[in-house]
Amino acid sequence: MALFESYERRIDKVNKVLNENGIASLDEAMQICKDHGINPYDKVREIQPIAFENACWAYTAGAAIAIKKNCVNAADAAEAIGIGLQAFCIPGSVAEDRKVGLGHGNLGAMLLRDETKCFAFLAGHESFAAAEGAIGIVRNANKARKTPLRVILNGLGKDAAQIISRINGFTYVQTKFDYFTGELNIVREIAYSNGERAAVRCYGADDVREGVAIMHKEGVDVSITGNSTNPTRFQHPVAGTYKKECVEQGKKYFSVASGGGTGRTLHPDNMAAGPASYGMTDTMGRMHSDAQFAGSSSVPAHVEMMGFLGMGNNPMVGATVAIAVAVSEALKNK
């Protein structure tokens, strides 16, 4: 019986990577994790309940590889998890070509290192998956860091930002941008919980200029740019403009573009190429990104269609961080 989606197209490559890391099979990988008191399979579903089976097994494989490598440091564990995720990329797919599995591992590692001060889900509040990813990060990343990682959501629309903040217990930050002076002013902040979720600051912007000003205000070091309803009106222009200004200021900024399904309708080239082409959002992402992910920020089926895993890219960021920290803690306590 197949354990997960596209089993036949994945399993030979998965077994090869496991064997290279001293693991005989996925069953052994699961046992290695259980022996160390961690359950990546369940952790994936905690972060995004609608994730596919292949995402649960990929993180199980990645965690087992991290344990085998004795990755006591959480950032190192994240990179090792990326090896497991990459093993699940279908040969010849967009995900395989872009090394998206390794990219997710490296992004998780970046968030677990103290050099990264602020991480942004850009246009994230349009998608519950950004909230799922943000919760996964704030709940776990700081266990492995000396200084707390600041996590923000920055998207188009102040009402949307307030609604998503209220539903998830985030802190809504209402801003007003002065178009004459170029200054960003904070009008009010409302924390919708008293716990860890309140550490996530959720901004809504009226336009690109205000969105860029929010990025500067928070000093964003790393962001993932979603492709929900406003890819050409907000998130890609904000990331691109902020990137340009950071370069001018000599500031490091690592931009990840997550190519989503909505944007495939915005460009004629997607008709012939099918899932190998994203269309306009892919084109825009290439102009600013340091890493280009494959598939939707939120929809598991679309990420799966790109030859990767059935889990949204945003919650996958949270899963990588959470499981890397779990591996690190398990090895330290052994």
Protein backbone atom coordinates (compact mmCIF):
# COMPACT_ATOMS: atom_id res chain seq x y z
CA MET A 1 0.00 0.00 0.00
CA ALA A 2 1.31 3.45 -0.95
CA LEU A 3 2.17 5.55 2.07
CA PHE A 4 1.67 8.90 0.37
CA GLU A 5 0.77 10.72 -2.84
CA SER A 6 2.85 9.96 -5.98
CA TYR A 7 4.55 7.16 -4.06
CA GLU A 8 5.86 5.34 -7.12
CA ARG A 9 7.42 8.50 -8.55
CA ARG A 10 9.21 9.36 -5.30
CA ILE A 11 10.14 6.27 -3.36
CA ASP A 12 13.31 5.20 -5.22
CA LYS A 13 14.87 8.63 -4.76
CA VAL A 14 13.68 8.80 -1.14
CA ASN A 15 15.21 5.42 -0.33
CA LYS A 16 18.47 6.37 -2.01
CA VAL A 17 18.81 9.52 0.12
CA LEU A 18 17.84 7.67 3.29
CA ASN A 19 20.39 4.92 2.56
CA GLU A 20 23.10 7.54 1.98
CA ASN A 21 22.39 8.77 5.50
CA GLY A 22 22.45 5.35 7.14
CA ILE A 23 18.67 4.81 7.22
CA ALA A 24 17.18 1.69 5.64
CA SER A 25 13.61 2.84 5.03
CA LEU A 26 10.87 5.31 5.94
CA ASP A 27 9.68 2.88 8.62
CA GLU A 28 13.14 3.07 10.20
CA ALA A 29 13.08 6.85 9.88
CA MET A 30 9.81 6.93 11.79
CA GLN A 31 11.25 4.63 14.46
CA ILE A 32 14.36 6.81 14.83
CA CYS A 33 12.12 9.81 15.49
CA LYS A 34 9.96 7.90 17.97
CA ASP A 35 13.04 6.63 19.80
CA HIS A 36 14.01 10.28 20.36
CA GLY A 37 10.54 11.25 21.53
CA ILE A 38 9.52 13.36 18.52
CA ASN A 39 6.70 12.93 16.02
CA PRO A 40 7.22 15.04 12.87
CA TYR A 41 4.21 13.37 11.24
CA ASP A 42 1.80 14.81 13.81
CA LYS A 43 3.68 18.12 14.02
CA VAL A 44 3.03 18.79 10.31
CA ARG A 45 -0.71 18.26 10.81
CA GLU A 46 -0.71 20.49 13.89
CA ILE A 47 0.62 23.35 11.78
CA GLN A 48 -1.49 22.77 8.65
CA PRO A 49 -4.28 20.23 9.27
CA ILE A 50 -5.02 19.88 5.53
CA ALA A 51 -1.43 18.91 4.64
CA PHE A 52 -0.98 15.77 2.50
CA GLU A 53 0.52 12.49 3.66
CA ASN A 54 3.71 13.10 1.66
CA ALA A 55 4.46 16.23 3.69
CA CYS A 56 4.17 14.26 6.94
CA TRP A 57 6.53 11.55 5.66
CA ALA A 58 9.00 14.04 4.14
CA TYR A 59 9.45 15.77 7.50
CA THR A 60 9.77 12.38 9.17
CA ALA A 61 12.59 11.54 6.76
CA GLY A 62 14.23 14.93 7.25
CA ALA A 63 14.07 14.72 11.04
CA ALA A 64 15.59 11.24 11.01
CA ILE A 65 18.44 12.48 8.82
CA ALA A 66 19.03 15.37 11.24
CA ILE A 67 19.13 12.94 14.15
CA LYS A 68 21.56 10.66 12.31
CA LYS A 69 23.79 13.67 11.65
CA ASN A 70 23.59 14.51 15.37
CA CYS A 71 22.42 18.06 14.67
CA VAL A 72 22.34 19.41 18.22
CA ASN A 73 22.18 22.94 16.83
CA ALA A 74 18.65 23.73 15.58
CA ALA A 75 19.86 25.67 12.52
CA ASP A 76 21.98 22.69 11.46
CA ALA A 77 18.95 20.44 12.01
CA ALA A 78 16.89 22.64 9.67
CA GLU A 79 19.48 22.28 6.92
CA ALA A 80 19.49 18.49 7.39
CA ILE A 81 15.68 18.42 7.26
CA GLY A 82 15.99 20.16 3.90
CA ILE A 83 17.86 17.10 2.59
CA GLY A 84 14.86 14.96 3.47
CA LEU A 85 12.45 17.41 1.85
CA GLN A 86 14.56 17.54 -1.31
CA ALA A 87 14.45 13.74 -1.53
CA PHE A 88 10.67 13.98 -1.98
CA CYS A 89 10.90 16.33 -5.01
CA ILE A 90 9.73 14.39 -8.06
CA PRO A 91 12.55 13.98 -10.63
CA GLY A 92 12.18 16.43 -13.52
CA SER A 93 9.71 18.65 -11.69
CA VAL A 94 9.81 22.41 -11.09
CA ALA A 95 10.50 21.74 -7.40
CA GLU A 96 13.42 19.47 -8.22
CA ASP A 97 14.88 22.01 -10.63
CA ARG A 98 14.70 24.81 -8.07
CA LYS A 99 15.97 22.67 -5.16
CA VAL A 100 12.96 23.80 -3.15
CA GLY A 101 13.49 21.20 -0.41
CA LEU A 102 17.00 22.44 0.30
CA GLY A 103 15.68 25.99 0.07
CA HIS A 104 13.13 25.37 2.81
CA GLY A 105 15.82 23.84 4.99
CA ASN A 106 18.11 26.82 4.47
CA LEU A 107 15.31 29.30 5.13
CA GLY A 108 14.45 27.55 8.39
CA ALA A 109 18.11 27.65 9.39
CA MET A 110 18.24 31.38 8.66
CA LEU A 111 15.32 32.01 11.03
CA LEU A 112 17.00 29.99 13.77
CA ARG A 113 20.23 32.01 13.61
CA ASP A 114 20.50 35.24 15.56
CA GLU A 115 21.77 37.19 12.54
CA THR A 116 18.15 37.30 11.35
CA LYS A 117 16.26 39.78 13.52
CA CYS A 118 12.93 40.15 11.71
CA PHE A 119 11.01 37.82 9.38
CA ALA A 120 8.00 38.94 7.33
CA PHE A 121 5.17 37.10 5.69
CA LEU A 122 4.62 39.65 2.94
CA ALA A 123 0.93 39.94 2.03
CA GLY A 124 0.54 37.09 4.45
CA HIS A 125 -2.65 38.09 6.16
CA GLU A 126 -4.61 37.33 3.00
CA SER A 127 -4.04 33.67 3.74
CA PHE A 128 -4.67 31.67 6.88
CA ALA A 129 -1.61 29.66 5.90
CA ALA A 130 0.57 32.66 6.76
CA ALA A 131 -0.98 32.68 10.21
CA GLU A 132 -0.33 28.94 10.53
CA GLY A 133 3.30 29.50 9.55
CA ALA A 134 3.70 32.47 11.87
CA ILE A 135 2.32 30.56 14.85
CA GLY A 136 4.66 27.66 14.14
CA ILE A 137 7.64 30.02 14.11
CA VAL A 138 6.90 32.11 17.21
CA ARG A 139 6.04 28.99 19.19
CA ASN A 140 9.38 27.35 18.46
CA ALA A 141 12.14 29.55 16.99
CA ASN A 142 12.98 31.44 20.16
CA LYS A 143 13.74 28.22 22.02
CA ALA A 144 16.88 27.96 19.88
CA ARG A 145 17.81 31.65 19.67
CA LYS A 146 19.61 34.02 22.06
CA THR A 147 17.47 36.97 20.95
CA PRO A 148 13.77 36.58 20.08
CA LEU A 149 12.91 36.57 16.37
CA ARG A 150 10.40 39.25 15.45
CA VAL A 151 7.66 37.99 13.09
CA ILE A 152 5.35 40.29 11.15
CA LEU A 153 2.59 39.97 8.58
CA ASN A 154 2.45 42.80 6.04
CA GLY A 155 -0.34 42.92 3.49
CA LEU A 156 -2.78 45.05 1.55
CA GLY A 157 -5.77 46.32 3.51
CA LYS A 158 -6.10 47.50 7.09
CA ASP A 159 -9.45 45.80 7.69
CA ALA A 160 -8.07 42.44 6.57
CA ALA A 161 -5.08 42.84 8.88
CA GLN A 162 -7.32 43.58 11.85
CA ILE A 163 -9.62 40.63 11.13
CA ILE A 164 -6.76 38.13 10.81
CA SER A 165 -5.18 39.56 13.97
CA ARG A 166 -8.39 39.15 15.94
CA ILE A 167 -9.00 35.59 14.74
CA ASN A 168 -5.45 34.44 15.50
CA GLY A 169 -4.65 36.48 18.60
CA PHE A 170 -1.98 38.61 16.88
CA THR A 171 -1.22 42.26 17.55
CA TYR A 172 -2.84 44.52 14.98
CA VAL A 173 -0.70 47.54 14.14
CA GLN A 174 -2.65 50.34 12.45
CA THR A 175 -0.46 52.76 10.52
CA LYS A 176 -0.94 55.99 8.59
CA PHE A 177 1.52 56.89 5.86
CA ASP A 178 2.25 60.58 5.19
CA TYR A 179 2.60 60.84 1.43
CA PHE A 180 4.00 64.36 1.69
CA THR A 181 6.87 63.59 4.06
CA GLY A 182 7.22 59.84 3.42
CA GLU A 183 6.92 59.12 7.16
CA LEU A 184 5.08 56.14 8.61
CA ASN A 185 3.14 56.76 11.81
CA ILE A 186 1.64 54.14 14.11
CA VAL A 187 -1.91 55.15 15.00
CA ARG A 188 -2.67 52.34 17.47
CA GLU A 189 -1.77 48.79 18.44
CA ILE A 190 -4.29 46.19 19.60
CA ALA A 191 -3.07 42.90 21.08
CA TYR A 192 -5.77 40.27 20.65
CA SER A 193 -4.20 37.85 23.13
CA ASN A 194 -1.83 37.80 26.06
CA GLY A 195 0.27 34.88 24.90
CA GLU A 196 2.90 34.01 22.33
CA ARG A 197 0.59 34.81 19.41
CA ALA A 198 0.54 38.47 20.44
CA ALA A 199 4.22 38.63 19.52
CA VAL A 200 3.19 38.48 15.83
CA ARG A 201 2.61 42.00 14.58
CA CYS A 202 0.11 42.26 11.73
CA TYR A 203 0.15 45.31 9.46
CA GLY A 204 -2.26 46.41 6.75
CA ALA A 205 -1.14 48.89 4.09
CA ASP A 206 -3.08 51.12 1.71
CA ASP A 207 -0.57 50.76 -1.11
CA VAL A 208 2.98 49.79 -2.10
CA ARG A 209 4.65 52.88 -0.64
CA GLU A 210 3.16 52.25 2.78
CA GLY A 211 4.04 48.55 2.51
CA VAL A 212 7.69 49.38 1.84
CA ALA A 213 7.71 51.87 4.73
CA ILE A 214 6.43 49.10 7.04
CA MET A 215 9.32 46.85 5.92
CA HIS A 216 11.81 49.61 6.79
CA LYS A 217 10.05 50.38 10.09
CA GLU A 218 10.46 46.77 11.25
CA GLY A 219 13.89 46.31 9.66
CA VAL A 220 12.89 43.11 7.84
CA ASP A 221 15.87 40.84 7.13
CA VAL A 222 14.07 37.92 5.49
CA SER A 223 10.63 37.66 3.92
CA ILE A 224 8.51 35.21 2.01
CA THR A 225 6.31 36.79 -0.62
CA GLY A 226 2.94 35.14 -1.07
CA ASN A 227 0.83 35.13 -4.21
CA SER A 228 -2.69 35.48 -2.99
CA THR A 229 -5.13 38.05 -4.34
CA ASN A 230 -2.75 40.97 -4.90
CA PRO A 231 0.51 39.63 -6.37
CA THR A 232 0.92 42.39 -8.96
CA ARG A 233 -0.59 45.19 -6.87
CA PHE A 234 1.27 44.69 -3.62
CA GLN A 235 3.55 41.90 -2.50
CA HIS A 236 5.97 41.58 -5.42
CA PRO A 237 6.27 45.38 -5.94
CA VAL A 238 6.86 45.83 -2.18
CA ALA A 239 9.56 43.14 -2.05
CA GLY A 240 11.23 44.47 -5.19
CA THR A 241 11.21 48.09 -4.07
CA TYR A 242 12.41 47.21 -0.56
CA LYS A 243 15.17 45.07 -2.08
CA LYS A 244 16.36 47.98 -4.23
CA GLU A 245 16.37 50.37 -1.28
CA CYS A 246 18.18 47.88 0.95
CA VAL A 247 20.88 47.48 -1.69
CA GLU A 248 21.23 51.26 -1.81
CA GLN A 249 21.56 51.39 1.99
CA GLY A 250 24.01 48.49 2.16
CA LYS A 251 21.52 46.41 4.19
CA LYS A 252 21.23 42.65 3.75
CA TYR A 253 17.74 41.46 2.81
CA PHE A 254 16.93 37.90 1.74
CA SER A 255 13.77 37.68 -0.33
CA VAL A 256 11.91 34.43 -0.97
CA ALA A 257 9.22 34.34 -3.66
CA SER A 258 6.53 31.71 -3.30
CA GLY A 259 4.94 31.25 -6.73
CA GLY A 260 1.22 30.68 -6.32
CA GLY A 261 -1.73 29.51 -8.34
CA THR A 262 -3.59 32.82 -8.68
CA GLY A 263 -0.81 34.39 -10.71
CA ARG A 264 -0.88 31.70 -13.36
CA THR A 265 -3.88 33.46 -14.89
CA LEU A 266 -2.02 36.73 -15.25
CA HIS A 267 0.36 35.84 -18.07
CA PRO A 268 -0.20 34.12 -21.41
CA ASP A 269 2.80 31.79 -21.23
CA ASN A 270 1.15 29.47 -18.74
CA MET A 271 -1.23 28.02 -21.32
CA ALA A 272 1.25 25.82 -23.16
CA ALA A 273 3.63 25.00 -20.35
CA GLY A 274 1.03 23.91 -17.79
CA PRO A 275 2.42 23.34 -14.30
CA ALA A 276 5.95 24.09 -15.48
CA SER A 277 5.03 27.77 -15.72
CA TYR A 278 3.55 30.07 -13.12
CA GLY A 279 2.97 33.07 -15.34
CA MET A 280 3.26 36.66 -14.17
CA THR A 281 3.89 36.03 -10.48
CA ASP A 282 6.81 33.78 -11.35
CA THR A 283 8.20 36.48 -13.61
CA MET A 284 7.86 39.14 -10.91
CA GLY A 285 9.34 36.89 -8.24
CA ARG A 286 12.46 36.34 -10.32
CA MET A 287 13.11 40.10 -10.30
CA HIS A 288 13.61 40.36 -6.54
CA SER A 289 14.00 36.91 -5.01
CA ASP A 290 17.09 35.25 -3.62
CA ALA A 291 15.17 31.96 -3.56
CA GLN A 292 12.18 30.98 -5.68
CA PHE A 293 9.84 28.42 -4.15
CA ALA A 294 7.41 26.27 -6.11
CA GLY A 295 3.67 26.36 -5.63
CA SER A 296 1.19 28.19 -3.49
CA SER A 297 1.84 29.97 -0.21
CA SER A 298 -1.19 28.21 1.23
CA VAL A 299 -2.76 25.51 -0.98
CA PRO A 300 -1.23 22.02 -0.52
CA ALA A 301 -2.54 20.71 -3.84
CA HIS A 302 -0.77 23.40 -5.83
CA VAL A 303 2.59 22.82 -4.14
CA GLU A 304 2.10 19.10 -4.79
CA MET A 305 1.41 19.87 -8.46
CA MET A 306 4.83 21.46 -8.73
CA GLY A 307 6.43 18.15 -7.73
CA PHE A 308 7.05 19.09 -4.11
CA LEU A 309 4.92 18.34 -1.03
CA GLY A 310 1.25 18.71 -0.27
CA MET A 311 1.68 21.60 2.16
CA GLY A 312 1.53 25.35 1.69
CA ASN A 313 4.90 27.09 1.56
CA ASN A 314 4.02 29.41 4.45
CA PRO A 315 3.05 26.71 6.96
CA MET A 316 6.04 24.70 5.71
CA VAL A 317 8.32 27.44 7.05
CA GLY A 318 6.70 26.98 10.45
CA ALA A 319 6.99 23.19 10.23
CA THR A 320 10.70 23.32 9.37
CA VAL A 321 11.44 25.56 12.35
CA ALA A 322 9.26 23.57 14.75
CA ILE A 323 10.70 20.18 13.82
CA ALA A 324 14.30 21.44 13.74
CA VAL A 325 13.88 22.75 17.29
CA ALA A 326 12.29 19.45 18.38
CA VAL A 327 15.27 17.51 16.97
CA SER A 328 17.75 19.84 18.67
CA GLU A 329 16.02 19.55 22.04
CA ALA A 330 15.73 15.76 21.76
CA LEU A 331 19.46 15.40 21.07
CA LYS A 332 20.42 17.78 23.87
CA ASN A 333 18.27 15.86 26.36
CA LYS A 334 19.43 12.41 25.31
